[in-house]
Amino acid sequence: MKTVSRMIFRYLLAAFGIAFLVLTVNGALLIGVVLHYGAKGQQEGFFPVGKFAESFTRTDDGFAPAPDMEWQKHFAWAMLLGDDGEILWSENLPEELNHAYTVPEVAAFSRWYLKDYPVMAYRNDFGLLVAGKEQGSMTRFDFYMDNDILYALLSGVGPLLIVDLCLVVAICLILGWRGAKPLREAAAGIGQLAEGKEVCLPQSGAAAELAEKLNQTSRYLQKQNELIRRRDTTRANWIAGVSHDIRTPLALIMGYGEQLAQQAPPQSEQQKKAAAICTQSQKIKALIEDLNLTFKLQYNAQPLRRTAAAMGAWLRQSVADFCDSLGENYSVGLQIREPAGQTVLEADRELLTRALDNLLNNSVRHNPGGCDIQVAAELADGRFVLTVRDNGAGYPEAVLRNHSGTDDPNAPHILGLHLVQQIATAHEGEASFCNDGGAVATLKFAVHWYGHAETGQVDSEPDGLILFPD
């Protein structure tokens, strides 16, 4: 709406400026024309007639003007009438005008025309000088006006101009407002589109084509939103149904598997198979939990229970808990470079633990022959950096391409790594994966303050390497 208001204001300002410019130019032109032709009229009209009449003198032959008058430049003919109407002197006088004149005839042509000849008369000592121009060379008016009316008209020029200007502005305002109405509707429609609402604009006026396109876009977006809603609802129902329906049989499988493993002879084939059933059942349970959690994180349905988490203590505890169930062929090393051990993050400890467990279990799961796992923490560029690396087989290249943003729908996908990415993103962090002599996963989180969550004291534990062997 602000954009439309600015557009209307600029339109009105431009219209007012154009009107003012036109009035100014017209006034200047009018003044120029009046001054130019007024001066020309003074040169060719009244003033020369007066000089011309005053230059007459009596001669032996009658009357004659001064030789240097050059009146022929201004008039086509001239005559001098006596008091009795007789012609005392003339030059270039048309034949039809060469006769005596009565008083009424003199009174008529002195203010109008003489036989369609525009004439000018001037009284001198000898009579009345009449000077005429060619027919059609001049337009003459002769009117009367009362002074009161003239003064009233002159005094009303200023108010009339103000009224005209107000009228112009009012017309511009009305036209601008009516012209901007479709644009205001279009702007409102765009705002509704941005909010995800349905738009139905009237397709009329100057913005009819724009309104039609907005309506089409709205219908398309509403259709897409409905398809996405149905897809998400179907996905949520499927995940919830699978999680619910598989929970009971999975619990039975795990229970019977543990019972068979306890009843089977030690180191027997039956005991190994039962242990494998338990292990794979735990993997299925973890996958279902990951599937539920990744869905909740994707649609912001998982609330983050942020608390002040001391990173040093959390890492030592998490790695120690993981090593309690670690196999014989695996070892885990933990290295905390200060002041990373003193760092406190506002984070969801359970989700961070889930991310770290997924990375550690991924190294174990994809290296059945054993490997060495190294967990390191440090501060770099104002961020807490957690790195988990192993010396095993590494990530498949297809998996790395998938996590780097490939559009291949057939690319393999590791749900645990995707969940790690989602947890990092939920904490305004980032996760990256690569191969460097084995699998390397790096998590980075912004650090806002340091110290222990409970005491506010700085962790004084020195740098070092902590090994968690079998």
Protein backbone atom coordinates (compact mmCIF):
# COMPACT_ATOMS: atom_id res chain seq x y z
CA MET A 1 0.00 0.00 0.00
CA LYS A 2 2.87 2.34 0.66
CA THR A 3 4.11 1.78 -2.88
CA VAL A 4 0.70 2.67 -4.31
CA SER A 5 0.47 5.76 -2.09
CA ARG A 6 3.89 6.91 -3.25
CA MET A 7 2.88 6.32 -6.86
CA ILE A 8 -0.32 8.38 -6.42
CA PHE A 9 1.66 11.15 -4.72
CA ARG A 10 4.21 11.23 -7.54
CA TYR A 11 1.44 11.24 -10.13
CA LEU A 12 -0.29 14.18 -8.44
CA LEU A 13 2.99 16.02 -8.04
CA ALA A 14 3.80 15.47 -11.72
CA ALA A 15 0.30 16.56 -12.77
CA PHE A 16 0.50 19.69 -10.61
CA GLY A 17 3.94 20.48 -11.97
CA ILE A 18 2.79 20.00 -15.56
CA ALA A 19 -0.28 22.19 -14.99
CA PHE A 20 1.84 24.87 -13.38
CA LEU A 21 4.38 24.68 -16.22
CA VAL A 22 1.66 24.92 -18.86
CA LEU A 23 0.06 27.93 -17.15
CA THR A 24 3.44 29.60 -16.78
CA VAL A 25 4.40 29.02 -20.41
CA ASN A 26 1.01 30.16 -21.64
CA GLY A 27 1.16 33.30 -19.50
CA ALA A 28 4.65 34.07 -20.71
CA LEU A 29 3.61 33.56 -24.32
CA LEU A 30 0.53 35.75 -23.84
CA ILE A 31 2.58 38.53 -22.27
CA GLY A 32 5.16 38.26 -25.03
CA VAL A 33 2.55 38.39 -27.75
CA VAL A 34 0.84 41.37 -26.16
CA LEU A 35 4.11 43.26 -25.73
CA HIS A 36 5.33 42.45 -29.22
CA TYR A 37 2.20 43.29 -31.15
CA GLY A 38 1.32 46.16 -28.81
CA ALA A 39 4.65 47.78 -29.55
CA LYS A 40 4.18 47.06 -33.23
CA GLY A 41 0.71 48.59 -33.09
CA GLN A 42 2.10 51.67 -31.39
CA GLN A 43 4.71 52.00 -34.12
CA GLU A 44 2.27 51.44 -36.97
CA GLY A 45 -0.94 52.83 -35.53
CA PHE A 46 -1.91 55.73 -33.28
CA PHE A 47 1.42 57.41 -32.73
CA PRO A 48 2.34 57.77 -36.45
CA VAL A 49 -1.14 59.14 -37.23
CA GLY A 50 -0.68 61.87 -34.67
CA LYS A 51 2.77 62.80 -35.92
CA PHE A 52 1.52 62.59 -39.44
CA ALA A 53 -1.40 64.98 -38.75
CA GLU A 54 0.73 67.47 -36.83
CA SER A 55 3.25 67.67 -39.70
CA PHE A 56 0.76 69.28 -42.12
CA THR A 57 1.39 72.85 -43.25
CA ARG A 58 -0.40 75.22 -45.60
CA THR A 59 1.26 75.69 -49.00
CA ASP A 60 0.55 77.70 -52.14
CA ASP A 61 -1.21 74.66 -53.61
CA GLY A 62 -3.18 73.88 -50.43
CA PHE A 63 -1.86 71.56 -47.74
CA ALA A 64 1.05 69.09 -47.52
CA PRO A 65 2.72 66.91 -44.85
CA ALA A 66 6.34 67.18 -43.93
CA PRO A 67 8.60 65.62 -46.58
CA ASP A 68 10.42 63.40 -44.07
CA MET A 69 7.29 61.82 -42.60
CA GLU A 70 7.40 58.63 -44.78
CA TRP A 71 3.83 57.82 -43.85
CA GLN A 72 3.50 55.51 -46.83
CA LYS A 73 5.34 52.81 -44.81
CA HIS A 74 2.38 52.65 -42.42
CA PHE A 75 -0.68 53.47 -44.50
CA ALA A 76 -1.94 52.77 -48.02
CA TRP A 77 -3.68 56.10 -48.53
CA ALA A 78 -4.56 59.33 -46.65
CA MET A 79 -6.86 62.36 -46.97
CA LEU A 80 -7.47 65.61 -45.09
CA LEU A 81 -11.09 66.61 -44.60
CA GLY A 82 -12.20 70.15 -43.91
CA ASP A 83 -14.82 71.14 -41.43
CA ASP A 84 -17.45 71.03 -44.19
CA GLY A 85 -16.51 67.47 -45.17
CA GLU A 86 -14.73 68.41 -48.35
CA ILE A 87 -11.38 66.81 -49.19
CA LEU A 88 -8.61 69.39 -48.74
CA TRP A 89 -5.73 67.00 -49.54
CA SER A 90 -5.39 63.35 -50.51
CA GLU A 91 -2.82 60.87 -51.81
CA ASN A 92 -3.32 57.35 -53.20
CA LEU A 93 -6.98 57.71 -52.34
CA PRO A 94 -9.17 54.99 -53.89
CA GLU A 95 -11.65 56.31 -56.46
CA GLU A 96 -14.63 55.05 -54.50
CA LEU A 97 -13.61 57.19 -51.54
CA ASN A 98 -12.96 60.41 -53.45
CA HIS A 99 -16.02 62.44 -52.45
CA ALA A 100 -17.25 64.76 -49.71
CA TYR A 101 -18.39 63.29 -46.39
CA THR A 102 -21.22 64.19 -44.08
CA VAL A 103 -20.98 64.39 -40.33
CA PRO A 104 -22.73 61.02 -39.80
CA GLU A 105 -20.32 59.35 -42.26
CA VAL A 106 -17.32 60.82 -40.46
CA ALA A 107 -18.71 59.71 -37.11
CA ALA A 108 -19.22 56.18 -38.45
CA PHE A 109 -15.80 55.54 -40.01
CA SER A 110 -13.84 57.25 -37.24
CA ARG A 111 -14.72 54.35 -34.93
CA TRP A 112 -15.15 51.53 -37.43
CA TYR A 113 -14.37 50.99 -41.14
CA LEU A 114 -14.66 53.12 -44.22
CA LYS A 115 -15.90 50.95 -47.09
CA ASP A 116 -14.14 47.95 -45.46
CA TYR A 117 -10.92 49.95 -45.21
CA PRO A 118 -9.54 50.02 -41.63
CA VAL A 119 -8.92 53.73 -40.97
CA MET A 120 -7.48 55.93 -38.26
CA ALA A 121 -8.44 59.61 -37.78
CA TYR A 122 -6.66 62.43 -36.06
CA ARG A 123 -7.73 66.09 -35.63
CA ASN A 124 -5.27 68.88 -36.49
CA ASP A 125 -5.47 72.63 -37.04
CA PHE A 126 -6.77 72.28 -40.59
CA GLY A 127 -9.32 69.56 -40.23
CA LEU A 128 -9.51 65.79 -39.81
CA LEU A 129 -6.70 63.58 -41.14
CA VAL A 130 -7.90 60.12 -42.19
CA ALA A 131 -5.25 57.46 -42.87
CA GLY A 132 -6.30 54.05 -44.20
CA LYS A 133 -4.75 50.60 -44.64
CA GLU A 134 -5.40 47.97 -47.24
CA GLN A 135 -8.62 46.02 -46.93
CA GLY A 136 -8.19 42.90 -44.79
CA SER A 137 -4.87 44.02 -43.29
CA MET A 138 -6.19 44.85 -39.80
CA THR A 139 -9.03 43.87 -37.49
CA ARG A 140 -10.57 46.66 -35.50
CA PHE A 141 -12.83 46.58 -32.48
CA ASP A 142 -14.67 49.39 -30.81
CA PHE A 143 -16.54 48.73 -27.58
CA TYR A 144 -17.48 50.41 -24.33
CA MET A 145 -17.31 49.13 -20.75
CA ASP A 146 -18.32 50.60 -17.44
CA ASN A 147 -15.32 51.19 -15.15
CA ASP A 148 -16.96 49.38 -12.26
CA ILE A 149 -17.37 46.31 -14.42
CA LEU A 150 -13.78 46.60 -15.69
CA TYR A 151 -12.36 46.91 -12.17
CA ALA A 152 -14.50 43.99 -11.00
CA LEU A 153 -13.18 41.85 -13.85
CA LEU A 154 -9.58 42.79 -13.17
CA SER A 155 -9.93 42.17 -9.44
CA GLY A 156 -11.42 38.74 -10.16
CA VAL A 157 -8.51 37.52 -12.26
CA GLY A 158 -6.47 36.39 -9.24
CA PRO A 159 -9.27 34.46 -7.48
CA LEU A 160 -10.27 32.95 -10.81
CA LEU A 161 -6.76 31.64 -11.35
CA ILE A 162 -6.76 30.14 -7.83
CA VAL A 163 -10.12 28.48 -8.49
CA ASP A 164 -8.83 27.14 -11.81
CA LEU A 165 -5.73 25.77 -10.11
CA CYS A 166 -7.80 24.10 -7.38
CA LEU A 167 -10.04 22.64 -10.04
CA VAL A 168 -7.05 21.23 -11.92
CA VAL A 169 -5.65 19.71 -8.71
CA ALA A 170 -9.07 18.25 -7.82
CA ILE A 171 -9.44 16.69 -11.25
CA CYS A 172 -5.92 15.26 -11.06
CA LEU A 173 -6.67 13.88 -7.58
CA ILE A 174 -9.90 12.23 -8.70
CA LEU A 175 -8.34 10.78 -11.83
CA GLY A 176 -5.28 9.62 -9.89
CA TRP A 177 -7.37 8.00 -7.19
CA ARG A 178 -9.61 6.23 -9.68
CA GLY A 179 -6.65 5.20 -11.81
CA ALA A 180 -4.78 3.84 -8.78
CA LYS A 181 -7.73 1.82 -7.48
CA PRO A 182 -6.92 -1.27 -9.61
CA LEU A 183 -3.28 -0.98 -8.57
CA ARG A 184 -4.26 -0.80 -4.91
CA GLU A 185 -6.33 -3.93 -5.38
CA ALA A 186 -3.42 -5.62 -7.13
CA ALA A 187 -1.05 -4.62 -4.30
CA ALA A 188 -3.50 -6.01 -1.74
CA GLY A 189 -3.73 -9.21 -3.78
CA ILE A 190 0.05 -9.59 -3.82
CA GLY A 191 0.08 -9.11 -0.05
CA GLN A 192 -2.54 -11.86 0.31
CA LEU A 193 -0.50 -14.14 -1.95
CA ALA A 194 2.54 -13.56 0.26
CA GLU A 195 0.44 -14.61 3.27
CA GLY A 196 -0.75 -17.76 1.50
CA LYS A 197 -4.35 -16.58 1.17
CA GLU A 198 -6.64 -17.07 -1.81
CA VAL A 199 -6.92 -14.08 -4.16
CA CYS A 200 -9.87 -13.21 -6.39
CA LEU A 201 -9.50 -9.74 -7.92
CA PRO A 202 -12.00 -8.06 -10.27
CA GLN A 203 -10.65 -8.28 -13.80
CA SER A 204 -11.56 -4.79 -15.00
CA GLY A 205 -9.95 -1.43 -15.49
CA ALA A 206 -6.39 -0.60 -16.48
CA ALA A 207 -4.95 -3.45 -14.38
CA ALA A 208 -7.28 -6.16 -15.73
CA GLU A 209 -4.44 -8.23 -17.19
CA LEU A 210 -2.44 -7.99 -13.96
CA ALA A 211 -5.50 -9.02 -11.91
CA GLU A 212 -6.05 -12.01 -14.20
CA LYS A 213 -2.44 -13.16 -13.77
CA LEU A 214 -2.68 -12.77 -9.98
CA ASN A 215 -5.90 -14.79 -9.92
CA GLN A 216 -4.27 -17.52 -12.00
CA THR A 217 -1.24 -17.54 -9.71
CA SER A 218 -3.50 -17.75 -6.66
CA ARG A 219 -5.42 -20.71 -8.08
CA TYR A 220 -2.16 -22.47 -8.95
CA LEU A 221 -0.69 -21.87 -5.49
CA GLN A 222 -3.89 -22.99 -3.77
CA LYS A 223 -3.83 -26.18 -5.83
CA GLN A 224 -0.18 -26.79 -5.01
CA ASN A 225 -0.78 -26.10 -1.31
CA GLU A 226 -3.66 -28.56 -1.30
CA LEU A 227 -1.47 -31.23 -2.94
CA ILE A 228 1.33 -30.55 -0.44
CA ARG A 229 -1.13 -30.69 2.46
CA ARG A 230 -2.51 -34.01 1.27
CA ARG A 231 0.99 -35.39 0.75
CA ASP A 232 2.13 -34.28 4.20
CA THR A 233 -1.01 -35.66 5.80
CA THR A 234 -0.53 -38.98 4.02
CA ARG A 235 3.12 -39.10 5.05
CA ALA A 236 2.36 -38.24 8.66
CA ASN A 237 -0.41 -40.84 8.83
CA TRP A 238 1.84 -43.46 7.25
CA ILE A 239 4.73 -42.77 9.64
CA ALA A 240 2.43 -42.72 12.64
CA GLY A 241 0.70 -45.93 11.51
CA VAL A 242 3.95 -47.75 10.82
CA SER A 243 5.44 -46.64 14.13
CA HIS A 244 2.37 -47.74 16.03
CA ASP A 245 1.76 -50.99 14.19
CA ILE A 246 5.37 -52.16 14.29
CA ARG A 247 5.94 -51.35 17.95
CA THR A 248 4.19 -54.42 19.42
CA PRO A 249 5.64 -57.08 17.08
CA LEU A 250 9.08 -55.50 17.38
CA ALA A 251 8.87 -55.66 21.17
CA LEU A 252 7.92 -59.36 20.94
CA ILE A 253 10.83 -60.07 18.58
CA MET A 254 13.28 -58.30 20.89
CA GLY A 255 11.88 -60.07 23.95
CA TYR A 256 11.98 -63.54 22.39
CA GLY A 257 15.42 -62.84 20.95
CA GLU A 258 16.81 -61.94 24.37
CA GLN A 259 15.12 -65.03 25.90
CA LEU A 260 16.59 -67.32 23.23
CA ALA A 261 20.03 -65.76 23.68
CA GLN A 262 19.90 -66.42 27.44
CA GLN A 263 18.63 -70.01 27.04
CA ALA A 264 21.03 -71.04 24.28
CA PRO A 265 24.38 -72.64 25.19
CA PRO A 266 27.22 -70.11 25.43
CA GLN A 267 29.10 -69.47 22.17
CA SER A 268 26.68 -71.67 20.31
CA GLU A 269 25.23 -70.95 16.88
CA GLN A 270 21.78 -70.46 18.39
CA GLN A 271 23.09 -67.83 20.80
CA LYS A 272 24.80 -65.91 17.99
CA LYS A 273 21.63 -65.95 15.88
CA ALA A 274 19.55 -64.77 18.82
CA ALA A 275 22.04 -61.97 19.51
CA ALA A 276 21.89 -60.97 15.84
CA ILE A 277 18.08 -60.83 16.07
CA CYS A 278 18.35 -58.52 19.08
CA THR A 279 20.93 -56.33 17.38
CA GLN A 280 18.92 -55.94 14.19
CA SER A 281 15.75 -55.31 16.17
CA GLN A 282 17.51 -52.48 17.98
CA LYS A 283 18.52 -51.06 14.59
CA ILE A 284 14.91 -51.21 13.37
CA LYS A 285 13.76 -49.48 16.54
CA ALA A 286 16.42 -46.77 16.10
CA LEU A 287 15.42 -46.30 12.43
CA ILE A 288 11.77 -45.83 13.38
CA GLU A 289 12.74 -43.32 16.05
CA ASP A 290 14.95 -41.49 13.54
CA LEU A 291 12.13 -41.49 10.99
CA ASN A 292 9.71 -39.95 13.48
CA LEU A 293 12.23 -37.38 14.66
CA THR A 294 13.33 -36.31 11.18
CA PHE A 295 9.68 -35.81 10.18
CA LYS A 296 9.02 -33.67 13.26
CA LEU A 297 12.15 -31.59 12.66
CA GLN A 298 11.30 -31.08 9.00
CA TYR A 299 7.87 -29.63 9.87
CA ASN A 300 8.90 -27.85 13.10
CA ALA A 301 6.78 -30.25 15.14
CA GLN A 302 9.65 -31.09 17.49
CA PRO A 303 9.96 -28.47 20.27
CA LEU A 304 13.53 -27.56 21.17
CA ARG A 305 14.10 -27.76 24.91
CA ARG A 306 17.01 -25.35 25.02
CA THR A 307 19.06 -25.21 28.20
CA ALA A 308 22.57 -24.05 29.01
CA ALA A 309 24.69 -27.05 28.05
CA ALA A 310 28.38 -27.20 29.06
CA MET A 311 30.03 -28.72 26.02
CA GLY A 312 33.05 -30.20 27.79
CA ALA A 313 31.08 -32.14 30.39
CA TRP A 314 28.45 -33.18 27.83
CA LEU A 315 31.04 -34.58 25.40
CA ARG A 316 32.84 -36.60 28.09
CA GLN A 317 29.60 -38.08 29.38
CA SER A 318 28.19 -38.84 25.90
CA VAL A 319 31.37 -40.55 24.67
CA ALA A 320 31.71 -42.53 27.92
CA ASP A 321 28.10 -43.76 27.65
CA PHE A 322 28.68 -44.82 24.05
CA CYS A 323 31.81 -46.76 24.94
CA ASP A 324 29.96 -48.85 27.52
CA SER A 325 28.50 -51.00 24.72
CA LEU A 326 31.43 -50.73 22.28
CA GLY A 327 32.78 -53.89 20.62
CA GLU A 328 36.28 -55.30 20.92
CA ASN A 329 37.53 -54.02 17.55
CA TYR A 330 36.67 -50.38 18.16
CA SER A 331 38.27 -47.55 20.11
CA VAL A 332 37.16 -43.97 20.68
CA GLY A 333 39.41 -40.98 21.40
CA LEU A 334 38.18 -37.64 22.72
CA GLN A 335 40.21 -34.44 22.36
CA ILE A 336 38.92 -31.10 23.67
CA ARG A 337 41.03 -28.08 22.79
CA GLU A 338 40.46 -25.26 25.25
CA PRO A 339 38.54 -23.06 25.51
CA ALA A 340 36.10 -25.44 23.81
CA GLY A 341 35.70 -27.29 27.11
CA GLN A 342 34.53 -24.05 28.74
CA THR A 343 31.92 -23.36 26.07
CA VAL A 344 28.26 -23.26 27.02
CA LEU A 345 25.62 -23.49 24.30
CA GLU A 346 21.91 -22.84 24.54
CA ALA A 347 20.88 -26.17 23.07
CA ASP A 348 18.66 -29.23 23.38
CA ARG A 349 21.01 -31.75 25.05
CA GLU A 350 18.94 -34.76 23.99
CA LEU A 351 19.03 -33.78 20.33
CA LEU A 352 22.76 -33.06 20.43
CA THR A 353 23.34 -36.44 22.06
CA ARG A 354 21.19 -38.06 19.37
CA ALA A 355 23.28 -36.43 16.64
CA LEU A 356 26.58 -37.53 18.23
CA ASP A 357 25.29 -41.10 18.76
CA ASN A 358 24.19 -41.28 15.13
CA LEU A 359 27.68 -40.29 13.94
CA LEU A 360 29.41 -42.75 16.26
CA ASN A 361 27.01 -45.59 15.43
CA ASN A 362 27.44 -44.84 11.73
CA SER A 363 31.21 -45.45 12.05
CA VAL A 364 30.58 -48.71 13.89
CA ARG A 365 27.77 -49.89 11.60
CA HIS A 366 29.67 -49.37 8.35
CA ASN A 367 32.97 -50.80 9.60
CA PRO A 368 32.10 -54.26 10.90
CA GLY A 369 35.76 -55.22 10.97
CA GLY A 370 36.54 -52.48 13.51
CA CYS A 371 38.00 -49.00 13.34
CA ASP A 372 39.38 -46.16 15.45
CA ILE A 373 37.07 -43.23 16.08
CA GLN A 374 38.30 -39.78 17.03
CA VAL A 375 36.02 -37.08 18.52
CA ALA A 376 37.49 -33.56 18.68
CA ALA A 377 36.10 -30.24 19.85
CA GLU A 378 37.54 -26.75 19.35
CA LEU A 379 36.63 -23.11 18.87
CA ALA A 380 37.26 -21.66 15.42
CA ASP A 381 36.11 -18.31 14.05
CA GLY A 382 33.78 -17.79 17.01
CA ARG A 383 32.03 -21.14 16.52
CA PHE A 384 32.05 -24.43 18.43
CA VAL A 385 33.32 -27.10 16.02
CA LEU A 386 32.71 -30.79 16.74
CA THR A 387 34.45 -33.33 14.49
CA VAL A 388 33.87 -37.09 14.39
CA ARG A 389 36.27 -39.06 12.17
CA ASP A 390 37.26 -42.70 11.75
CA ASN A 391 39.84 -44.65 9.77
CA GLY A 392 37.32 -46.98 8.20
CA ALA A 393 35.79 -47.33 4.76
CA GLY A 394 34.36 -43.79 4.68
CA TYR A 395 31.10 -42.58 3.19
CA PRO A 396 30.02 -43.88 -0.23
CA GLU A 397 30.48 -41.20 -2.90
CA ALA A 398 26.82 -41.48 -3.89
CA VAL A 399 25.81 -40.68 -0.30
CA LEU A 400 28.06 -37.60 -0.24
CA ARG A 401 26.58 -36.39 -3.53
CA ASN A 402 23.09 -36.83 -2.14
CA HIS A 403 23.87 -34.81 0.98
CA SER A 404 25.55 -32.11 -1.11
CA GLY A 405 22.25 -31.31 -2.82
CA THR A 406 21.97 -33.65 -5.84
CA ASP A 407 18.59 -33.95 -7.53
CA ASP A 408 18.99 -37.66 -8.29
CA PRO A 409 15.95 -39.43 -6.78
CA ASN A 410 17.72 -42.81 -6.94
CA ALA A 411 20.74 -41.64 -4.92
CA PRO A 412 21.30 -43.65 -1.70
CA HIS A 413 20.33 -41.92 1.50
CA ILE A 414 21.53 -42.43 5.08
CA LEU A 415 18.71 -41.38 7.43
CA GLY A 416 21.10 -40.92 10.36
CA LEU A 417 23.20 -38.34 8.52
CA HIS A 418 20.09 -36.50 7.37
CA LEU A 419 18.90 -36.38 10.96
CA VAL A 420 22.27 -34.95 12.04
CA GLN A 421 21.88 -32.20 9.44
CA GLN A 422 18.39 -31.39 10.69
CA ILE A 423 19.52 -31.20 14.33
CA ALA A 424 22.39 -28.87 13.40
CA THR A 425 20.03 -26.65 11.36
CA ALA A 426 17.53 -26.53 14.24
CA HIS A 427 20.34 -25.09 16.39
CA GLU A 428 21.27 -22.46 13.74
CA GLY A 429 24.35 -24.55 12.93
CA GLU A 430 25.57 -26.58 9.98
CA ALA A 431 26.79 -30.11 9.27
CA SER A 432 29.18 -31.33 6.59
CA PHE A 433 30.45 -34.79 5.60
CA CYS A 434 33.50 -35.87 3.64
CA ASN A 435 36.14 -38.58 3.32
CA ASP A 436 39.69 -38.03 4.52
CA GLY A 437 41.31 -41.37 5.32
CA GLY A 438 37.88 -42.44 6.54
CA ALA A 439 34.53 -40.82 7.28
CA VAL A 440 34.68 -37.24 8.63
CA ALA A 441 31.63 -35.42 10.00
CA THR A 442 31.84 -31.81 11.19
CA LEU A 443 29.24 -29.88 13.18
CA LYS A 444 29.53 -26.12 13.72
CA PHE A 445 27.47 -24.03 16.15
CA ALA A 446 27.56 -20.31 16.90
CA VAL A 447 28.92 -19.46 20.37
CA HIS A 448 27.40 -16.56 22.31
CA TRP A 449 28.99 -16.95 25.77
CA TYR A 450 31.32 -19.16 27.84
CA GLY A 451 31.27 -20.66 31.33
CA HIS A 452 29.52 -23.39 33.29
CA ALA A 453 25.74 -23.39 33.15
CA GLU A 454 25.39 -23.90 36.91
CA THR A 455 28.19 -21.83 38.43
CA GLY A 456 29.21 -19.44 35.71
CA GLN A 457 32.86 -20.45 36.39
CA VAL A 458 35.29 -21.21 33.58
CA ASP A 459 36.31 -24.83 33.10
CA SER A 460 39.98 -25.16 34.05
CA GLU A 461 40.59 -28.69 32.74
CA PRO A 462 43.77 -28.70 30.58
CA ASP A 463 43.94 -29.70 26.94
CA GLY A 464 44.55 -33.35 26.33
CA LEU A 465 43.55 -36.63 24.73
CA ILE A 466 41.18 -39.00 26.53
CA LEU A 467 41.05 -42.57 25.21
CA PHE A 468 38.08 -44.90 25.70
CA PRO A 469 39.37 -48.34 24.73
CA ASP A 470 37.34 -51.52 24.75
